[in-house]
Amino acid sequence: MEKVLSVNILSSDYFKELFKYKTYHKVVDEIYNQVDHVEPWMTDNCRGPSSAFCLLYKLFTMKLTVKQMHGLLKHQDSPYIRAEWLEANKDYQAIVDGANIALYQQNFVEGGFSLTQDAKW
C-alpha cells in the first residue's frame, strides 16, 4: 500500500471509528453496510481514503485466522466481502490486467492503447 494512502487511512475519522469493532463479524457487517466500491480513494468530489480501504486496513490489524480468511473468500452476501472467483480458480498462477498490458511501453508521443499488444498475452 502506498505511504500516502496509509497515512490518510490512519488519520481519517472513519478509520478511527473502526476501533470500536473488536470482532471479525462486526467488521464484515460494516463492509456489507458501508462499502459500495473498492477504489482506494473516495469517489466524486470527496477527498480521503475509501471506506473499503479503511476496512481492509482494519482487517490487516486484526490478525485473522485461516478460518476467517476462508470466510471472507466464500462469503455469500456481498461481492465486496468475498473473492469467490479467486478461490474457485486457484489453479491460475497469475491474474493479468489486460488494460495495463495494452498500455505497457506506450508512454511516448504517438503511444496509446494497443489491442494487438493485449492479444499477445
PDB file of N, CA and C in Angstrom:
ATOM      1  N   MET A   1       0.846  -1.167   0.000  1.00  0.00           N
ATOM      2  CA  MET A   1       0.000   0.000   0.000  1.00  0.00           C
ATOM      3  C   MET A   1       0.892   1.231   0.000  1.00  0.00           C
ATOM      4  N   GLU A   2       0.538   2.204  -0.824  1.00  0.00           N
ATOM      5  CA  GLU A   2       1.366   3.403  -0.901  1.00  0.00           C
ATOM      6  C   GLU A   2       1.296   4.188   0.409  1.00  0.00           C
ATOM      7  N   LYS A   3       2.400   4.839   0.733  1.00  0.00           N
ATOM      8  CA  LYS A   3       2.529   5.549   2.001  1.00  0.00           C
ATOM      9  C   LYS A   3       1.475   6.646   2.167  1.00  0.00           C
ATOM     10  N   VAL A   4       1.205   7.412   1.122  1.00  0.00           N
ATOM     11  CA  VAL A   4       0.219   8.495   1.208  1.00  0.00           C
ATOM     12  C   VAL A   4      -1.145   7.937   1.603  1.00  0.00           C
ATOM     13  N   LEU A   5      -1.522   6.807   1.002  1.00  0.00           N
ATOM     14  CA  LEU A   5      -2.809   6.202   1.323  1.00  0.00           C
ATOM     15  C   LEU A   5      -2.841   5.721   2.771  1.00  0.00           C
ATOM     16  N   SER A   6      -1.809   5.023   3.209  1.00  0.00           N
ATOM     17  CA  SER A   6      -1.810   4.514   4.586  1.00  0.00           C
ATOM     18  C   SER A   6      -1.821   5.648   5.607  1.00  0.00           C
ATOM     19  N   VAL A   7      -1.096   6.732   5.349  1.00  0.00           N
ATOM     20  CA  VAL A   7      -1.110   7.890   6.257  1.00  0.00           C
ATOM     21  C   VAL A   7      -2.512   8.496   6.323  1.00  0.00           C
ATOM     22  N   ASN A   8      -3.171   8.601   5.162  1.00  0.00           N
ATOM     23  CA  ASN A   8      -4.527   9.149   5.132  1.00  0.00           C
ATOM     24  C   ASN A   8      -5.525   8.236   5.830  1.00  0.00           C
ATOM     25  N   ILE A   9      -5.356   6.929   5.697  1.00  0.00           N
ATOM     26  CA  ILE A   9      -6.234   5.988   6.392  1.00  0.00           C
ATOM     27  C   ILE A   9      -6.086   6.157   7.902  1.00  0.00           C
ATOM     28  N   LEU A  10      -4.838   6.147   8.373  1.00  0.00           N
ATOM     29  CA  LEU A  10      -4.598   6.232   9.818  1.00  0.00           C
ATOM     30  C   LEU A  10      -5.101   7.536  10.427  1.00  0.00           C
ATOM     31  N   SER A  11      -5.155   8.598   9.641  1.00  0.00           N
ATOM     32  CA  SER A  11      -5.610   9.881  10.175  1.00  0.00           C
ATOM     33  C   SER A  11      -7.094  10.149   9.900  1.00  0.00           C
ATOM     34  N   SER A  12      -7.772   9.252   9.190  1.00  0.00           N
ATOM     35  CA  SER A  12      -9.174   9.504   8.849  1.00  0.00           C
ATOM     36  C   SER A  12     -10.096   9.247  10.047  1.00  0.00           C
ATOM     37  N   ASP A  13     -11.133  10.057  10.126  1.00  0.00           N
ATOM     38  CA  ASP A  13     -12.128   9.898  11.200  1.00  0.00           C
ATOM     39  C   ASP A  13     -12.822   8.549  11.102  1.00  0.00           C
ATOM     40  N   TYR A  14     -13.119   8.118   9.888  1.00  0.00           N
ATOM     41  CA  TYR A  14     -13.801   6.836   9.716  1.00  0.00           C
ATOM     42  C   TYR A  14     -12.961   5.680  10.254  1.00  0.00           C
ATOM     43  N   PHE A  15     -11.671   5.676   9.933  1.00  0.00           N
ATOM     44  CA  PHE A  15     -10.813   4.602  10.433  1.00  0.00           C
ATOM     45  C   PHE A  15     -10.759   4.621  11.957  1.00  0.00           C
ATOM     46  N   LYS A  16     -10.692   5.804  12.532  1.00  0.00           N
ATOM     47  CA  LYS A  16     -10.670   5.909  13.998  1.00  0.00           C
ATOM     48  C   LYS A  16     -11.956   5.374  14.610  1.00  0.00           C
ATOM     49  N   GLU A  17     -13.081   5.548  13.926  1.00  0.00           N
ATOM     50  CA  GLU A  17     -14.352   4.993  14.399  1.00  0.00           C
ATOM     51  C   GLU A  17     -14.342   3.466  14.385  1.00  0.00           C
ATOM     52  N   LEU A  18     -13.527   2.878  13.516  1.00  0.00           N
ATOM     53  CA  LEU A  18     -13.477   1.420  13.409  1.00  0.00           C
ATOM     54  C   LEU A  18     -12.840   0.754  14.626  1.00  0.00           C
ATOM     55  N   PHE A  19     -12.189   1.520  15.486  1.00  0.00           N
ATOM     56  CA  PHE A  19     -11.585   0.944  16.688  1.00  0.00           C
ATOM     57  C   PHE A  19     -12.623   0.282  17.583  1.00  0.00           C
ATOM     58  N   LYS A  20     -13.862   0.724  17.487  1.00  0.00           N
ATOM     59  CA  LYS A  20     -14.918   0.138  18.326  1.00  0.00           C
ATOM     60  C   LYS A  20     -15.270  -1.287  17.901  1.00  0.00           C
ATOM     61  N   TYR A  21     -14.915  -1.663  16.674  1.00  0.00           N
ATOM     62  CA  TYR A  21     -15.191  -3.018  16.207  1.00  0.00           C
ATOM     63  C   TYR A  21     -14.039  -3.932  16.586  1.00  0.00           C
ATOM     64  N   LYS A  22     -14.322  -4.837  17.487  1.00  0.00           N
ATOM     65  CA  LYS A  22     -13.272  -5.721  18.007  1.00  0.00           C
ATOM     66  C   LYS A  22     -13.329  -7.125  17.421  1.00  0.00           C
ATOM     67  N   THR A  23     -14.416  -7.448  16.706  1.00  0.00           N
ATOM     68  CA  THR A  23     -14.539  -8.811  16.186  1.00  0.00           C
ATOM     69  C   THR A  23     -14.587  -8.814  14.666  1.00  0.00           C
ATOM     70  N   TYR A  24     -14.190  -9.932  14.121  1.00  0.00           N
ATOM     71  CA  TYR A  24     -14.232 -10.173  12.677  1.00  0.00           C
ATOM     72  C   TYR A  24     -15.648  -9.948  12.140  1.00  0.00           C
ATOM     73  N   HIS A  25     -16.651 -10.482  12.834  1.00  0.00           N
ATOM     74  CA  HIS A  25     -18.031 -10.395  12.359  1.00  0.00           C
ATOM     75  C   HIS A  25     -18.535  -8.957  12.302  1.00  0.00           C
ATOM     76  N   LYS A  26     -18.136  -8.137  13.243  1.00  0.00           N
ATOM     77  CA  LYS A  26     -18.539  -6.720  13.232  1.00  0.00           C
ATOM     78  C   LYS A  26     -17.928  -5.995  12.031  1.00  0.00           C
ATOM     79  N   VAL A  27     -16.680  -6.306  11.717  1.00  0.00           N
ATOM     80  CA  VAL A  27     -16.020  -5.670  10.579  1.00  0.00           C
ATOM     81  C   VAL A  27     -16.656  -6.143   9.270  1.00  0.00           C
ATOM     82  N   VAL A  28     -16.972  -7.425   9.165  1.00  0.00           N
ATOM     83  CA  VAL A  28     -17.638  -7.945   7.972  1.00  0.00           C
ATOM     84  C   VAL A  28     -19.005  -7.278   7.802  1.00  0.00           C
ATOM     85  N   ASP A  29     -19.735  -7.100   8.886  1.00  0.00           N
ATOM     86  CA  ASP A  29     -21.023  -6.398   8.814  1.00  0.00           C
ATOM     87  C   ASP A  29     -20.839  -4.960   8.334  1.00  0.00           C
ATOM     88  N   GLU A  30     -19.782  -4.313   8.793  1.00  0.00           N
ATOM     89  CA  GLU A  30     -19.505  -2.938   8.373  1.00  0.00           C
ATOM     90  C   GLU A  30     -19.170  -2.884   6.884  1.00  0.00           C
ATOM     91  N   ILE A  31     -18.437  -3.868   6.386  1.00  0.00           N
ATOM     92  CA  ILE A  31     -18.154  -3.936   4.949  1.00  0.00           C
ATOM     93  C   ILE A  31     -19.470  -4.038   4.184  1.00  0.00           C
ATOM     94  N   TYR A  32     -20.331  -4.927   4.637  1.00  0.00           N
ATOM     95  CA  TYR A  32     -21.621  -5.130   3.978  1.00  0.00           C
ATOM     96  C   TYR A  32     -22.440  -3.834   3.938  1.00  0.00           C
ATOM     97  N   ASN A  33     -22.430  -3.092   5.035  1.00  0.00           N
ATOM     98  CA  ASN A  33     -23.270  -1.895   5.154  1.00  0.00           C
ATOM     99  C   ASN A  33     -22.667  -0.639   4.529  1.00  0.00           C
ATOM    100  N   GLN A  34     -21.343  -0.544   4.438  1.00  0.00           N
ATOM    101  CA  GLN A  34     -20.713   0.715   4.051  1.00  0.00           C
ATOM    102  C   GLN A  34     -19.994   0.725   2.711  1.00  0.00           C
ATOM    103  N   VAL A  35     -19.579  -0.420   2.214  1.00  0.00           N
ATOM    104  CA  VAL A  35     -18.731  -0.434   1.015  1.00  0.00           C
ATOM    105  C   VAL A  35     -19.584  -0.562  -0.242  1.00  0.00           C
ATOM    106  N   ASP A  36     -19.377   0.379  -1.181  1.00  0.00           N
ATOM    107  CA  ASP A  36     -20.086   0.311  -2.455  1.00  0.00           C
ATOM    108  C   ASP A  36     -19.140   0.394  -3.651  1.00  0.00           C
ATOM    109  N   HIS A  37     -17.845   0.458  -3.384  1.00  0.00           N
ATOM    110  CA  HIS A  37     -16.820   0.377  -4.432  1.00  0.00           C
ATOM    111  C   HIS A  37     -15.505   0.026  -3.748  1.00  0.00           C
ATOM    112  N   VAL A  38     -14.539  -0.428  -4.526  1.00  0.00           N
ATOM    113  CA  VAL A  38     -13.270  -0.850  -3.929  1.00  0.00           C
ATOM    114  C   VAL A  38     -12.081  -0.049  -4.441  1.00  0.00           C
ATOM    115  N   GLU A  39     -12.330   1.180  -4.819  1.00  0.00           N
ATOM    116  CA  GLU A  39     -11.244   2.086  -5.167  1.00  0.00           C
ATOM    117  C   GLU A  39     -10.570   2.553  -3.873  1.00  0.00           C
ATOM    118  N   PRO A  40      -9.282   2.872  -3.912  1.00  0.00           N
ATOM    119  CA  PRO A  40      -8.591   3.281  -2.684  1.00  0.00           C
ATOM    120  C   PRO A  40      -9.046   4.635  -2.144  1.00  0.00           C
ATOM    121  N   TRP A  41      -9.526   5.504  -3.024  1.00  0.00           N
ATOM    122  CA  TRP A  41      -9.916   6.854  -2.609  1.00  0.00           C
ATOM    123  C   TRP A  41     -11.416   7.046  -2.769  1.00  0.00           C
ATOM    124  N   MET A  42     -11.976   7.968  -1.970  1.00  0.00           N
ATOM    125  CA  MET A  42     -13.394   8.291  -2.083  1.00  0.00           C
ATOM    126  C   MET A  42     -13.706   8.755  -3.499  1.00  0.00           C
ATOM    127  N   THR A  43     -14.938   8.552  -3.919  1.00  0.00           N
ATOM    128  CA  THR A  43     -15.353   8.961  -5.258  1.00  0.00           C
ATOM    129  C   THR A  43     -15.939  10.374  -5.246  1.00  0.00           C
ATOM    130  N   ASP A  44     -16.269  10.870  -6.406  1.00  0.00           N
ATOM    131  CA  ASP A  44     -16.849  12.204  -6.613  1.00  0.00           C
ATOM    132  C   ASP A  44     -15.882  13.287  -6.161  1.00  0.00           C
ATOM    133  N   ASN A  45     -16.371  14.302  -5.504  1.00  0.00           N
ATOM    134  CA  ASN A  45     -15.532  15.423  -5.095  1.00  0.00           C
ATOM    135  C   ASN A  45     -14.980  15.267  -3.682  1.00  0.00           C
ATOM    136  N   CYS A  46     -15.200  14.133  -3.082  1.00  0.00           N
ATOM    137  CA  CYS A  46     -14.709  13.892  -1.721  1.00  0.00           C
ATOM    138  C   CYS A  46     -13.219  13.591  -1.757  1.00  0.00           C
ATOM    139  N   ARG A  47     -12.560  13.903  -0.678  1.00  0.00           N
ATOM    140  CA  ARG A  47     -11.136  13.574  -0.551  1.00  0.00           C
ATOM    141  C   ARG A  47     -10.968  12.658   0.649  1.00  0.00           C
ATOM    142  N   GLY A  48     -10.023  11.767   0.535  1.00  0.00           N
ATOM    143  CA  GLY A  48      -9.741  10.869   1.636  1.00  0.00           C
ATOM    144  C   GLY A  48      -9.846   9.430   1.203  1.00  0.00           C
ATOM    145  N   PRO A  49      -9.408   8.534   2.071  1.00  0.00           N
ATOM    146  CA  PRO A  49      -9.432   7.112   1.747  1.00  0.00           C
ATOM    147  C   PRO A  49     -10.866   6.576   1.739  1.00  0.00           C
ATOM    148  N   SER A  50     -11.103   5.595   0.907  1.00  0.00           N
ATOM    149  CA  SER A  50     -12.435   4.992   0.823  1.00  0.00           C
ATOM    150  C   SER A  50     -12.716   4.136   2.060  1.00  0.00           C
ATOM    151  N   SER A  51     -14.000   3.901   2.292  1.00  0.00           N
ATOM    152  CA  SER A  51     -14.376   3.018   3.402  1.00  0.00           C
ATOM    153  C   SER A  51     -13.812   1.617   3.171  1.00  0.00           C
ATOM    154  N   ALA A  52     -13.770   1.177   1.914  1.00  0.00           N
ATOM    155  CA  ALA A  52     -13.241  -0.159   1.606  1.00  0.00           C
ATOM    156  C   ALA A  52     -11.796  -0.307   2.076  1.00  0.00           C
ATOM    157  N   PHE A  53     -10.961   0.694   1.794  1.00  0.00           N
ATOM    158  CA  PHE A  53      -9.553   0.583   2.168  1.00  0.00           C
ATOM    159  C   PHE A  53      -9.339   0.802   3.662  1.00  0.00           C
ATOM    160  N   CYS A  54     -10.183   1.606   4.284  1.00  0.00           N
ATOM    161  CA  CYS A  54     -10.106   1.736   5.743  1.00  0.00           C
ATOM    162  C   CYS A  54     -10.438   0.395   6.402  1.00  0.00           C
ATOM    163  N   LEU A  55     -11.465  -0.271   5.896  1.00  0.00           N
ATOM    164  CA  LEU A  55     -11.854  -1.567   6.447  1.00  0.00           C
ATOM    165  C   LEU A  55     -10.823  -2.649   6.130  1.00  0.00           C
ATOM    166  N   LEU A  56     -10.230  -2.584   4.956  1.00  0.00           N
ATOM    167  CA  LEU A  56      -9.166  -3.520   4.613  1.00  0.00           C
ATOM    168  C   LEU A  56      -7.993  -3.365   5.577  1.00  0.00           C
ATOM    169  N   TYR A  57      -7.629  -2.121   5.848  1.00  0.00           N
ATOM    170  CA  TYR A  57      -6.542  -1.848   6.792  1.00  0.00           C
ATOM    171  C   TYR A  57      -6.904  -2.384   8.179  1.00  0.00           C
ATOM    172  N   LYS A  58      -8.167  -2.195   8.563  1.00  0.00           N
ATOM    173  CA  LYS A  58      -8.641  -2.721   9.857  1.00  0.00           C
ATOM    174  C   LYS A  58      -8.476  -4.239   9.893  1.00  0.00           C
ATOM    175  N   LEU A  59      -8.855  -4.916   8.811  1.00  0.00           N
ATOM    176  CA  LEU A  59      -8.686  -6.371   8.770  1.00  0.00           C
ATOM    177  C   LEU A  59      -7.221  -6.770   8.894  1.00  0.00           C
ATOM    178  N   PHE A  60      -6.322  -5.999   8.271  1.00  0.00           N
ATOM    179  CA  PHE A  60      -4.884  -6.284   8.390  1.00  0.00           C
ATOM    180  C   PHE A  60      -4.422  -6.236   9.841  1.00  0.00           C
ATOM    181  N   THR A  61      -5.002  -5.348  10.613  1.00  0.00           N
ATOM    182  CA  THR A  61      -4.571  -5.187  12.006  1.00  0.00           C
ATOM    183  C   THR A  61      -5.146  -6.240  12.935  1.00  0.00           C
ATOM    184  N   MET A  62      -6.100  -7.035  12.443  1.00  0.00           N
ATOM    185  CA  MET A  62      -6.814  -7.969  13.309  1.00  0.00           C
ATOM    186  C   MET A  62      -6.180  -9.354  13.402  1.00  0.00           C
ATOM    187  N   LYS A  63      -5.186  -9.636  12.596  1.00  0.00           N
ATOM    188  CA  LYS A  63      -4.536 -10.952  12.608  1.00  0.00           C
ATOM    189  C   LYS A  63      -5.574 -12.072  12.457  1.00  0.00           C
ATOM    190  N   LEU A  64      -6.208 -12.085  11.294  1.00  0.00           N
ATOM    191  CA  LEU A  64      -7.266 -13.048  11.019  1.00  0.00           C
ATOM    192  C   LEU A  64      -6.741 -14.478  10.998  1.00  0.00           C
ATOM    193  N   THR A  65      -7.609 -15.403  11.392  1.00  0.00           N
ATOM    194  CA  THR A  65      -7.273 -16.825  11.342  1.00  0.00           C
ATOM    195  C   THR A  65      -7.490 -17.333   9.918  1.00  0.00           C
ATOM    196  N   VAL A  66      -7.011 -18.518   9.646  1.00  0.00           N
ATOM    197  CA  VAL A  66      -7.220 -19.141   8.341  1.00  0.00           C
ATOM    198  C   VAL A  66      -8.720 -19.327   8.101  1.00  0.00           C
ATOM    199  N   LYS A  67      -9.449 -19.739   9.129  1.00  0.00           N
ATOM    200  CA  LYS A  67     -10.895 -19.931   9.012  1.00  0.00           C
ATOM    201  C   LYS A  67     -11.589 -18.606   8.652  1.00  0.00           C
ATOM    202  N   GLN A  68     -11.178 -17.526   9.262  1.00  0.00           N
ATOM    203  CA  GLN A  68     -11.764 -16.224   8.957  1.00  0.00           C
ATOM    204  C   GLN A  68     -11.445 -15.797   7.524  1.00  0.00           C
ATOM    205  N   MET A  69     -10.226 -16.050   7.078  1.00  0.00           N
ATOM    206  CA  MET A  69      -9.863 -15.728   5.693  1.00  0.00           C
ATOM    207  C   MET A  69     -10.731 -16.520   4.719  1.00  0.00           C
ATOM    208  N   HIS A  70     -10.930 -17.797   5.003  1.00  0.00           N
ATOM    209  CA  HIS A  70     -11.803 -18.610   4.150  1.00  0.00           C
ATOM    210  C   HIS A  70     -13.226 -18.068   4.177  1.00  0.00           C
ATOM    211  N   GLY A  71     -13.659 -17.577   5.342  1.00  0.00           N
ATOM    212  CA  GLY A  71     -14.985 -16.964   5.441  1.00  0.00           C
ATOM    213  C   GLY A  71     -15.118 -15.756   4.533  1.00  0.00           C
ATOM    214  N   LEU A  72     -14.076 -14.952   4.435  1.00  0.00           N
ATOM    215  CA  LEU A  72     -14.096 -13.810   3.520  1.00  0.00           C
ATOM    216  C   LEU A  72     -14.162 -14.276   2.071  1.00  0.00           C
ATOM    217  N   LEU A  73     -13.387 -15.298   1.746  1.00  0.00           N
ATOM    218  CA  LEU A  73     -13.328 -15.805   0.382  1.00  0.00           C
ATOM    219  C   LEU A  73     -14.650 -16.404  -0.081  1.00  0.00           C
ATOM    220  N   LYS A  74     -15.400 -16.978   0.842  1.00  0.00           N
ATOM    221  CA  LYS A  74     -16.616 -17.698   0.463  1.00  0.00           C
ATOM    222  C   LYS A  74     -17.898 -16.981   0.870  1.00  0.00           C
ATOM    223  N   HIS A  75     -17.785 -15.749   1.328  1.00  0.00           N
ATOM    224  CA  HIS A  75     -18.957 -15.014   1.820  1.00  0.00           C
ATOM    225  C   HIS A  75     -19.997 -14.852   0.713  1.00  0.00           C
ATOM    226  N   GLN A  76     -21.258 -15.078   1.038  1.00  0.00           N
ATOM    227  CA  GLN A  76     -22.320 -15.076   0.036  1.00  0.00           C
ATOM    228  C   GLN A  76     -23.083 -13.755  -0.078  1.00  0.00           C
ATOM    229  N   ASP A  77     -22.929 -12.841   0.853  1.00  0.00           N
ATOM    230  CA  ASP A  77     -23.798 -11.669   0.904  1.00  0.00           C
ATOM    231  C   ASP A  77     -23.363 -10.485   0.058  1.00  0.00           C
ATOM    232  N   SER A  78     -22.091 -10.356  -0.237  1.00  0.00           N
ATOM    233  CA  SER A  78     -21.634  -9.167  -0.921  1.00  0.00           C
ATOM    234  C   SER A  78     -20.377  -9.455  -1.746  1.00  0.00           C
ATOM    235  N   PRO A  79     -20.317  -8.933  -2.972  1.00  0.00           N
ATOM    236  CA  PRO A  79     -19.104  -9.115  -3.770  1.00  0.00           C
ATOM    237  C   PRO A  79     -17.911  -8.369  -3.165  1.00  0.00           C
ATOM    238  N   TYR A  80     -18.181  -7.412  -2.303  1.00  0.00           N
ATOM    239  CA  TYR A  80     -17.104  -6.662  -1.668  1.00  0.00           C
ATOM    240  C   TYR A  80     -16.494  -7.438  -0.506  1.00  0.00           C
ATOM    241  N   ILE A  81     -17.180  -8.433  -0.038  1.00  0.00           N
ATOM    242  CA  ILE A  81     -16.662  -9.251   1.059  1.00  0.00           C
ATOM    243  C   ILE A  81     -15.932 -10.465   0.507  1.00  0.00           C
ATOM    244  N   ARG A  82     -16.479 -11.053  -0.482  1.00  0.00           N
ATOM    245  CA  ARG A  82     -15.895 -12.322  -0.946  1.00  0.00           C
ATOM    246  C   ARG A  82     -14.970 -12.150  -2.142  1.00  0.00           C
ATOM    247  N   ALA A  83     -14.178 -13.135  -2.328  1.00  0.00           N
ATOM    248  CA  ALA A  83     -13.341 -13.228  -3.517  1.00  0.00           C
ATOM    249  C   ALA A  83     -13.507 -14.640  -4.048  1.00  0.00           C
ATOM    250  N   GLU A  84     -14.765 -15.020  -4.213  1.00  0.00           N
ATOM    251  CA  GLU A  84     -15.105 -16.396  -4.564  1.00  0.00           C
ATOM    252  C   GLU A  84     -14.467 -16.843  -5.876  1.00  0.00           C
ATOM    253  N   TRP A  85     -14.405 -15.945  -6.837  1.00  0.00           N
ATOM    254  CA  TRP A  85     -13.816 -16.320  -8.118  1.00  0.00           C
ATOM    255  C   TRP A  85     -12.375 -16.758  -7.941  1.00  0.00           C
ATOM    256  N   LEU A  86     -11.635 -16.031  -7.123  1.00  0.00           N
ATOM    257  CA  LEU A  86     -10.229 -16.390  -6.899  1.00  0.00           C
ATOM    258  C   LEU A  86     -10.111 -17.769  -6.267  1.00  0.00           C
ATOM    259  N   GLU A  87     -10.987 -18.059  -5.319  1.00  0.00           N
ATOM    260  CA  GLU A  87     -10.957 -19.356  -4.667  1.00  0.00           C
ATOM    261  C   GLU A  87     -11.312 -20.467  -5.656  1.00  0.00           C
ATOM    262  N   ALA A  88     -12.318 -20.234  -6.494  1.00  0.00           N
ATOM    263  CA  ALA A  88     -12.761 -21.250  -7.449  1.00  0.00           C
ATOM    264  C   ALA A  88     -11.744 -21.474  -8.563  1.00  0.00           C
ATOM    265  N   ASN A  89     -10.909 -20.486  -8.800  1.00  0.00           N
ATOM    266  CA  ASN A  89      -9.936 -20.560  -9.888  1.00  0.00           C
ATOM    267  C   ASN A  89      -8.506 -20.534  -9.367  1.00  0.00           C
ATOM    268  N   LYS A  90      -8.267 -21.199  -8.271  1.00  0.00           N
ATOM    269  CA  LYS A  90      -6.953 -21.118  -7.636  1.00  0.00           C
ATOM    270  C   LYS A  90      -5.849 -21.827  -8.419  1.00  0.00           C
ATOM    271  N   ASP A  91      -6.210 -22.511  -9.503  1.00  0.00           N
ATOM    272  CA  ASP A  91      -5.188 -23.162 -10.316  1.00  0.00           C
ATOM    273  C   ASP A  91      -4.396 -22.155 -11.152  1.00  0.00           C
ATOM    274  N   TYR A  92      -4.933 -20.936 -11.299  1.00  0.00           N
ATOM    275  CA  TYR A  92      -4.200 -19.913 -12.034  1.00  0.00           C
ATOM    276  C   TYR A  92      -2.954 -19.505 -11.257  1.00  0.00           C
ATOM    277  N   GLN A  93      -1.870 -19.297 -11.969  1.00  0.00           N
ATOM    278  CA  GLN A  93      -0.639 -18.843 -11.321  1.00  0.00           C
ATOM    279  C   GLN A  93      -0.538 -17.331 -11.320  1.00  0.00           C
ATOM    280  N   ALA A  94      -1.336 -16.676 -12.161  1.00  0.00           N
ATOM    281  CA  ALA A  94      -1.298 -15.214 -12.232  1.00  0.00           C
ATOM    282  C   ALA A  94      -2.632 -14.702 -12.741  1.00  0.00           C
ATOM    283  N   ILE A  95      -2.956 -13.485 -12.350  1.00  0.00           N
ATOM    284  CA  ILE A  95      -4.110 -12.782 -12.883  1.00  0.00           C
ATOM    285  C   ILE A  95      -3.555 -11.590 -13.647  1.00  0.00           C
ATOM    286  N   VAL A  96      -3.954 -11.445 -14.899  1.00  0.00           N
ATOM    287  CA  VAL A  96      -3.379 -10.431 -15.771  1.00  0.00           C
ATOM    288  C   VAL A  96      -4.385  -9.303 -15.984  1.00  0.00           C
ATOM    289  N   ASP A  97      -3.919  -8.091 -15.816  1.00  0.00           N
ATOM    290  CA  ASP A  97      -4.720  -6.895 -16.053  1.00  0.00           C
ATOM    291  C   ASP A  97      -4.522  -6.477 -17.511  1.00  0.00           C
ATOM    292  N   GLY A  98      -5.456  -6.841 -18.377  1.00  0.00           N
ATOM    293  CA  GLY A  98      -5.320  -6.601 -19.808  1.00  0.00           C
ATOM    294  C   GLY A  98      -5.155  -5.138 -20.176  1.00  0.00           C
ATOM    295  N   ALA A  99      -5.869  -4.258 -19.494  1.00  0.00           N
ATOM    296  CA  ALA A  99      -5.774  -2.832 -19.828  1.00  0.00           C
ATOM    297  C   ALA A  99      -4.364  -2.305 -19.601  1.00  0.00           C
ATOM    298  N   ASN A 100      -3.727  -2.712 -18.533  1.00  0.00           N
ATOM    299  CA  ASN A 100      -2.362  -2.240 -18.271  1.00  0.00           C
ATOM    300  C   ASN A 100      -1.346  -2.876 -19.205  1.00  0.00           C
ATOM    301  N   ILE A 101      -1.579  -4.099 -19.625  1.00  0.00           N
ATOM    302  CA  ILE A 101      -0.688  -4.710 -20.616  1.00  0.00           C
ATOM    303  C   ILE A 101      -0.774  -3.932 -21.931  1.00  0.00           C
ATOM    304  N   ALA A 102      -1.998  -3.567 -22.318  1.00  0.00           N
ATOM    305  CA  ALA A 102      -2.184  -2.827 -23.566  1.00  0.00           C
ATOM    306  C   ALA A 102      -1.515  -1.465 -23.516  1.00  0.00           C
ATOM    307  N   LEU A 103      -1.318  -0.908 -22.333  1.00  0.00           N
ATOM    308  CA  LEU A 103      -0.659   0.384 -22.199  1.00  0.00           C
ATOM    309  C   LEU A 103       0.847   0.264 -21.960  1.00  0.00           C
ATOM    310  N   TYR A 104       1.350  -0.968 -21.758  1.00  0.00           N
ATOM    311  CA  TYR A 104       2.764  -1.182 -21.458  1.00  0.00           C
ATOM    312  C   TYR A 104       3.647  -0.613 -22.566  1.00  0.00           C
ATOM    313  N   GLN A 105       4.629   0.155 -22.201  1.00  0.00           N
ATOM    314  CA  GLN A 105       5.593   0.788 -23.100  1.00  0.00           C
ATOM    315  C   GLN A 105       4.918   1.677 -24.143  1.00  0.00           C
ATOM    316  N   GLN A 106       3.807   2.279 -23.793  1.00  0.00           N
ATOM    317  CA  GLN A 106       3.105   3.176 -24.707  1.00  0.00           C
ATOM    318  C   GLN A 106       3.282   4.634 -24.280  1.00  0.00           C
ATOM    319  N   ASN A 107       4.237   4.901 -23.411  1.00  0.00           N
ATOM    320  CA  ASN A 107       4.447   6.242 -22.868  1.00  0.00           C
ATOM    321  C   ASN A 107       5.417   7.027 -23.757  1.00  0.00           C
ATOM    322  N   PHE A 108       4.969   7.369 -24.940  1.00  0.00           N
ATOM    323  CA  PHE A 108       5.751   8.201 -25.844  1.00  0.00           C
ATOM    324  C   PHE A 108       4.768   9.019 -26.672  1.00  0.00           C
ATOM    325  N   VAL A 109       5.256   9.943 -27.479  1.00  0.00           N
ATOM    326  CA  VAL A 109       4.420  10.943 -28.144  1.00  0.00           C
ATOM    327  C   VAL A 109       3.240  10.323 -28.889  1.00  0.00           C
ATOM    328  N   GLU A 110       3.466   9.362 -29.738  1.00  0.00           N
ATOM    329  CA  GLU A 110       2.381   8.752 -30.512  1.00  0.00           C
ATOM    330  C   GLU A 110       1.860   7.474 -29.853  1.00  0.00           C
ATOM    331  N   GLY A 111       2.272   7.205 -28.633  1.00  0.00           N
ATOM    332  CA  GLY A 111       1.866   5.986 -27.945  1.00  0.00           C
ATOM    333  C   GLY A 111       0.411   6.015 -27.541  1.00  0.00           C
ATOM    334  N   GLY A 112      -0.127   4.856 -27.263  1.00  0.00           N
ATOM    335  CA  GLY A 112      -1.523   4.767 -26.847  1.00  0.00           C
ATOM    336  C   GLY A 112      -1.894   3.340 -26.537  1.00  0.00           C
ATOM    337  N   PHE A 113      -3.157   3.116 -26.377  1.00  0.00           N
ATOM    338  CA  PHE A 113      -3.691   1.795 -26.055  1.00  0.00           C
ATOM    339  C   PHE A 113      -3.506   0.864 -27.246  1.00  0.00           C
ATOM    340  N   SER A 114      -2.970  -0.334 -27.028  1.00  0.00           N
ATOM    341  CA  SER A 114      -2.656  -1.247 -28.124  1.00  0.00           C
ATOM    342  C   SER A 114      -3.384  -2.591 -27.924  1.00  0.00           C
ATOM    343  N   LEU A 115      -4.442  -2.807 -28.689  1.00  0.00           N
ATOM    344  CA  LEU A 115      -5.158  -4.082 -28.586  1.00  0.00           C
ATOM    345  C   LEU A 115      -4.302  -5.248 -29.051  1.00  0.00           C
ATOM    346  N   THR A 116      -3.436  -5.020 -30.031  1.00  0.00           N
ATOM    347  CA  THR A 116      -2.579  -6.098 -30.513  1.00  0.00           C
ATOM    348  C   THR A 116      -1.588  -6.523 -29.425  1.00  0.00           C
ATOM    349  N   GLN A 117      -1.123  -5.573 -28.655  1.00  0.00           N
ATOM    350  CA  GLN A 117      -0.223  -5.918 -27.563  1.00  0.00           C
ATOM    351  C   GLN A 117      -0.944  -6.750 -26.514  1.00  0.00           C
ATOM    352  N   ASP A 118      -2.204  -6.416 -26.251  1.00  0.00           N
ATOM    353  CA  ASP A 118      -3.015  -7.164 -25.302  1.00  0.00           C
ATOM    354  C   ASP A 118      -3.261  -8.583 -25.802  1.00  0.00           C
ATOM    355  N   ALA A 119      -3.461  -8.746 -27.115  1.00  0.00           N
ATOM    356  CA  ALA A 119      -3.730 -10.049 -27.695  1.00  0.00           C
ATOM    357  C   ALA A 119      -2.539 -10.996 -27.600  1.00  0.00           C
ATOM    358  N   LYS A 120      -1.323 -10.460 -27.493  1.00  0.00           N
ATOM    359  CA  LYS A 120      -0.115 -11.289 -27.384  1.00  0.00           C
ATOM    360  C   LYS A 120      -0.138 -12.134 -26.113  1.00  0.00           C
ATOM    361  N   TRP A 121      -0.810 -11.643 -25.087  1.00  0.00           N
ATOM    362  CA  TRP A 121      -0.841 -12.372 -23.816  1.00  0.00           C
ATOM    363  C   TRP A 121      -1.854 -13.466 -23.906  1.00  0.00           C
TER     364      TRP A 121
END
